[in-house]
Amino acid sequence: MRKPLSAVPGWAAVVLAAGLLAACSSSDKSVDTGTGPTVTEPPPTTVPTGPMKAGDIMRVLSGNSFRYTRPVNRTGTTTFNSDGTFSYQESGKGEGTGIWQASDGSLCEAFNPTSFLPRGTRTECHPFKQTAQGAYSAGSATFEPM
């Protein structure tokens, strides 16, 4: 013979009620407005702050080509080879080559002599950082992937 619900002890009724409420609840707090599938916004992308480690700079640059902009409207493209060399094509000037090295927080470059840069340059290091998703700067130059 079944006992009537009123015969169930008080604590058991509380446990039963809590179980029923838990079964009805959901961790999904979205409200179906009937307008289509729920779209989840991606988390905002943040640009790392502070100096980049040498290994991170090497991973970003090695084997990749970039469009660059330098002061006084100097623009062009450059490719950083994994062997520590680079080649570039500067708009209105021509082609050139050089060597590069990453150090913690900096990109170091030396430009080989060319017709428009007869002495080349000695090695100069400039702070290297990410300025936007996929864009970087070294000193006053900006680099965007191609």
C-alpha atoms as a PDB file:
ATOM      1  CA  MET A   1       0.000   0.000   0.000  1.00  0.00           C
ATOM      2  CA  ARG A   2       1.332   3.412  -0.953  1.00  0.00           C
ATOM      3  CA  LYS A   3       1.633   6.104   1.649  1.00  0.00           C
ATOM      4  CA  PRO A   4      -0.025   9.420   0.853  1.00  0.00           C
ATOM      5  CA  LEU A   5       2.383  12.319   0.173  1.00  0.00           C
ATOM      6  CA  SER A   6       1.380  13.857   3.491  1.00  0.00           C
ATOM      7  CA  ALA A   7       2.870  10.803   5.238  1.00  0.00           C
ATOM      8  CA  VAL A   8       6.394  11.471   3.825  1.00  0.00           C
ATOM      9  CA  PRO A   9       8.643  13.010   6.512  1.00  0.00           C
ATOM     10  CA  GLY A  10       9.311  16.778   6.143  1.00  0.00           C
ATOM     11  CA  TRP A  11      13.027  16.460   5.314  1.00  0.00           C
ATOM     12  CA  ALA A  12      12.279  13.953   2.568  1.00  0.00           C
ATOM     13  CA  ALA A  13       9.766  16.353   0.983  1.00  0.00           C
ATOM     14  CA  VAL A  14      12.397  19.113   1.011  1.00  0.00           C
ATOM     15  CA  VAL A  15      14.953  16.807  -0.670  1.00  0.00           C
ATOM     16  CA  LEU A  16      12.356  15.731  -3.237  1.00  0.00           C
ATOM     17  CA  ALA A  17      11.426  19.366  -3.994  1.00  0.00           C
ATOM     18  CA  ALA A  18      15.090  20.381  -4.307  1.00  0.00           C
ATOM     19  CA  GLY A  19      15.719  17.502  -6.721  1.00  0.00           C
ATOM     20  CA  LEU A  20      12.760  18.519  -8.869  1.00  0.00           C
ATOM     21  CA  LEU A  21      13.957  22.139  -8.973  1.00  0.00           C
ATOM     22  CA  ALA A  22      17.489  21.074  -9.875  1.00  0.00           C
ATOM     23  CA  ALA A  23      16.176  18.941 -12.726  1.00  0.00           C
ATOM     24  CA  CYS A  24      14.288  21.924 -14.111  1.00  0.00           C
ATOM     25  CA  SER A  25      17.165  24.391 -13.887  1.00  0.00           C
ATOM     26  CA  SER A  26      19.821  24.791 -16.547  1.00  0.00           C
ATOM     27  CA  SER A  27      23.226  26.439 -16.699  1.00  0.00           C
ATOM     28  CA  ASP A  28      22.233  28.007 -20.034  1.00  0.00           C
ATOM     29  CA  LYS A  29      20.991  31.451 -19.119  1.00  0.00           C
ATOM     30  CA  SER A  30      20.198  32.487 -22.718  1.00  0.00           C
ATOM     31  CA  VAL A  31      16.676  33.475 -23.597  1.00  0.00           C
ATOM     32  CA  ASP A  32      15.204  32.173 -26.816  1.00  0.00           C
ATOM     33  CA  THR A  33      13.684  35.157 -28.528  1.00  0.00           C
ATOM     34  CA  GLY A  34      12.718  33.118 -31.547  1.00  0.00           C
ATOM     35  CA  THR A  35      14.992  35.184 -33.809  1.00  0.00           C
ATOM     36  CA  GLY A  36      17.408  32.408 -34.702  1.00  0.00           C
ATOM     37  CA  PRO A  37      20.383  30.656 -33.211  1.00  0.00           C
ATOM     38  CA  THR A  38      22.165  32.158 -30.245  1.00  0.00           C
ATOM     39  CA  VAL A  39      25.395  33.843 -31.335  1.00  0.00           C
ATOM     40  CA  THR A  40      28.219  33.957 -28.849  1.00  0.00           C
ATOM     41  CA  GLU A  41      30.556  36.902 -29.259  1.00  0.00           C
ATOM     42  CA  PRO A  42      34.237  35.920 -29.313  1.00  0.00           C
ATOM     43  CA  PRO A  43      36.266  37.218 -26.411  1.00  0.00           C
ATOM     44  CA  PRO A  44      37.998  40.512 -27.163  1.00  0.00           C
ATOM     45  CA  THR A  45      41.486  40.054 -28.526  1.00  0.00           C
ATOM     46  CA  THR A  46      44.086  41.738 -26.436  1.00  0.00           C
ATOM     47  CA  VAL A  47      47.486  42.861 -27.482  1.00  0.00           C
ATOM     48  CA  PRO A  48      50.232  41.667 -25.127  1.00  0.00           C
ATOM     49  CA  THR A  49      51.892  44.413 -23.157  1.00  0.00           C
ATOM     50  CA  GLY A  50      55.530  44.633 -22.226  1.00  0.00           C
ATOM     51  CA  PRO A  51      58.598  43.448 -24.073  1.00  0.00           C
ATOM     52  CA  MET A  52      58.437  40.291 -26.147  1.00  0.00           C
ATOM     53  CA  LYS A  53      60.901  37.489 -25.493  1.00  0.00           C
ATOM     54  CA  ALA A  54      63.552  36.798 -28.164  1.00  0.00           C
ATOM     55  CA  GLY A  55      61.978  33.413 -28.981  1.00  0.00           C
ATOM     56  CA  ASP A  56      58.578  35.025 -29.522  1.00  0.00           C
ATOM     57  CA  ILE A  57      60.079  37.651 -31.838  1.00  0.00           C
ATOM     58  CA  MET A  58      61.855  34.925 -33.802  1.00  0.00           C
ATOM     59  CA  ARG A  59      58.605  32.938 -34.174  1.00  0.00           C
ATOM     60  CA  VAL A  60      56.786  36.044 -35.428  1.00  0.00           C
ATOM     61  CA  LEU A  61      59.437  37.054 -37.967  1.00  0.00           C
ATOM     62  CA  SER A  62      61.251  33.886 -39.157  1.00  0.00           C
ATOM     63  CA  GLY A  63      60.208  32.913 -42.647  1.00  0.00           C
ATOM     64  CA  ASN A  64      57.572  35.647 -42.891  1.00  0.00           C
ATOM     65  CA  SER A  65      57.081  38.675 -45.109  1.00  0.00           C
ATOM     66  CA  PHE A  66      55.732  42.038 -44.013  1.00  0.00           C
ATOM     67  CA  ARG A  67      54.735  45.400 -45.443  1.00  0.00           C
ATOM     68  CA  TYR A  68      56.609  48.092 -43.583  1.00  0.00           C
ATOM     69  CA  THR A  69      56.276  51.803 -43.088  1.00  0.00           C
ATOM     70  CA  ARG A  70      59.138  53.931 -41.799  1.00  0.00           C
ATOM     71  CA  PRO A  71      59.238  57.685 -41.128  1.00  0.00           C
ATOM     72  CA  VAL A  72      59.100  60.162 -44.027  1.00  0.00           C
ATOM     73  CA  ASN A  73      56.793  57.919 -46.093  1.00  0.00           C
ATOM     74  CA  ARG A  74      59.348  55.152 -46.607  1.00  0.00           C
ATOM     75  CA  THR A  75      57.414  51.995 -47.407  1.00  0.00           C
ATOM     76  CA  GLY A  76      58.195  48.585 -48.768  1.00  0.00           C
ATOM     77  CA  THR A  77      58.201  44.879 -48.115  1.00  0.00           C
ATOM     78  CA  THR A  78      60.644  42.735 -46.201  1.00  0.00           C
ATOM     79  CA  THR A  79      61.162  39.040 -45.623  1.00  0.00           C
ATOM     80  CA  PHE A  80      62.894  37.794 -42.479  1.00  0.00           C
ATOM     81  CA  ASN A  81      64.651  34.505 -43.239  1.00  0.00           C
ATOM     82  CA  SER A  82      65.129  31.917 -40.512  1.00  0.00           C
ATOM     83  CA  ASP A  83      68.920  31.983 -41.078  1.00  0.00           C
ATOM     84  CA  GLY A  84      69.158  35.538 -39.696  1.00  0.00           C
ATOM     85  CA  THR A  85      69.189  37.336 -43.046  1.00  0.00           C
ATOM     86  CA  PHE A  86      66.517  39.566 -44.519  1.00  0.00           C
ATOM     87  CA  SER A  87      65.736  41.037 -47.904  1.00  0.00           C
ATOM     88  CA  TYR A  88      63.648  44.076 -48.655  1.00  0.00           C
ATOM     89  CA  GLN A  89      62.220  46.095 -51.496  1.00  0.00           C
ATOM     90  CA  GLU A  90      61.792  49.772 -50.649  1.00  0.00           C
ATOM     91  CA  SER A  91      59.362  51.765 -52.781  1.00  0.00           C
ATOM     92  CA  GLY A  92      61.183  54.271 -54.984  1.00  0.00           C
ATOM     93  CA  LYS A  93      64.646  53.100 -53.917  1.00  0.00           C
ATOM     94  CA  GLY A  94      65.216  49.464 -54.745  1.00  0.00           C
ATOM     95  CA  GLU A  95      66.245  46.169 -53.182  1.00  0.00           C
ATOM     96  CA  GLY A  96      68.530  45.432 -50.309  1.00  0.00           C
ATOM     97  CA  THR A  97      69.599  42.772 -47.834  1.00  0.00           C
ATOM     98  CA  GLY A  98      70.894  42.587 -44.315  1.00  0.00           C
ATOM     99  CA  ILE A  99      71.081  40.561 -41.140  1.00  0.00           C
ATOM    100  CA  TRP A 100      68.682  40.434 -38.217  1.00  0.00           C
ATOM    101  CA  GLN A 101      68.651  39.076 -34.694  1.00  0.00           C
ATOM    102  CA  ALA A 102      66.062  38.997 -31.941  1.00  0.00           C
ATOM    103  CA  SER A 103      66.967  39.830 -28.382  1.00  0.00           C
ATOM    104  CA  ASP A 104      64.599  40.087 -25.447  1.00  0.00           C
ATOM    105  CA  GLY A 105      62.405  43.076 -26.222  1.00  0.00           C
ATOM    106  CA  SER A 106      64.294  44.184 -29.357  1.00  0.00           C
ATOM    107  CA  LEU A 107      64.829  43.560 -33.046  1.00  0.00           C
ATOM    108  CA  CYS A 108      68.412  44.155 -34.159  1.00  0.00           C
ATOM    109  CA  GLU A 109      69.137  44.819 -37.847  1.00  0.00           C
ATOM    110  CA  ALA A 110      72.139  45.742 -39.987  1.00  0.00           C
ATOM    111  CA  PHE A 111      71.622  46.790 -43.619  1.00  0.00           C
ATOM    112  CA  ASN A 112      74.161  45.768 -46.271  1.00  0.00           C
ATOM    113  CA  PRO A 113      75.467  48.449 -48.655  1.00  0.00           C
ATOM    114  CA  THR A 114      73.288  49.283 -51.679  1.00  0.00           C
ATOM    115  CA  SER A 115      73.322  51.997 -54.335  1.00  0.00           C
ATOM    116  CA  PHE A 116      71.016  54.105 -52.160  1.00  0.00           C
ATOM    117  CA  LEU A 117      72.723  53.124 -48.882  1.00  0.00           C
ATOM    118  CA  PRO A 118      76.421  52.999 -49.927  1.00  0.00           C
ATOM    119  CA  ARG A 119      77.857  52.328 -46.476  1.00  0.00           C
ATOM    120  CA  GLY A 120      75.094  50.105 -45.205  1.00  0.00           C
ATOM    121  CA  THR A 121      74.401  50.436 -41.494  1.00  0.00           C
ATOM    122  CA  ARG A 122      75.882  49.059 -38.339  1.00  0.00           C
ATOM    123  CA  THR A 123      73.670  46.873 -36.192  1.00  0.00           C
ATOM    124  CA  GLU A 124      70.945  48.857 -34.484  1.00  0.00           C
ATOM    125  CA  CYS A 125      68.457  47.445 -31.997  1.00  0.00           C
ATOM    126  CA  HIS A 126      64.963  48.867 -31.522  1.00  0.00           C
ATOM    127  CA  PRO A 127      62.191  47.904 -29.090  1.00  0.00           C
ATOM    128  CA  PHE A 128      59.930  45.333 -30.752  1.00  0.00           C
ATOM    129  CA  LYS A 129      56.293  44.993 -29.733  1.00  0.00           C
ATOM    130  CA  GLN A 130      52.920  43.928 -30.972  1.00  0.00           C
ATOM    131  CA  THR A 131      50.775  46.987 -31.690  1.00  0.00           C
ATOM    132  CA  ALA A 132      47.581  45.298 -32.927  1.00  0.00           C
ATOM    133  CA  GLN A 133      46.430  41.803 -33.735  1.00  0.00           C
ATOM    134  CA  GLY A 134      49.093  40.724 -36.246  1.00  0.00           C
ATOM    135  CA  ALA A 135      50.850  44.119 -36.489  1.00  0.00           C
ATOM    136  CA  TYR A 136      54.202  44.977 -34.922  1.00  0.00           C
ATOM    137  CA  SER A 137      56.585  47.863 -34.479  1.00  0.00           C
ATOM    138  CA  ALA A 138      60.341  48.106 -34.138  1.00  0.00           C
ATOM    139  CA  GLY A 139      61.320  51.612 -33.152  1.00  0.00           C
ATOM    140  CA  SER A 140      59.522  53.924 -35.574  1.00  0.00           C
ATOM    141  CA  ALA A 141      58.867  51.235 -38.209  1.00  0.00           C
ATOM    142  CA  THR A 142      55.589  49.350 -38.388  1.00  0.00           C
ATOM    143  CA  PHE A 143      55.226  45.857 -39.847  1.00  0.00           C
ATOM    144  CA  GLU A 144      52.022  44.255 -41.111  1.00  0.00           C
ATOM    145  CA  PRO A 145      51.973  40.648 -42.341  1.00  0.00           C
ATOM    146  CA  MET A 146      51.488  40.043 -46.049  1.00  0.00           C
END
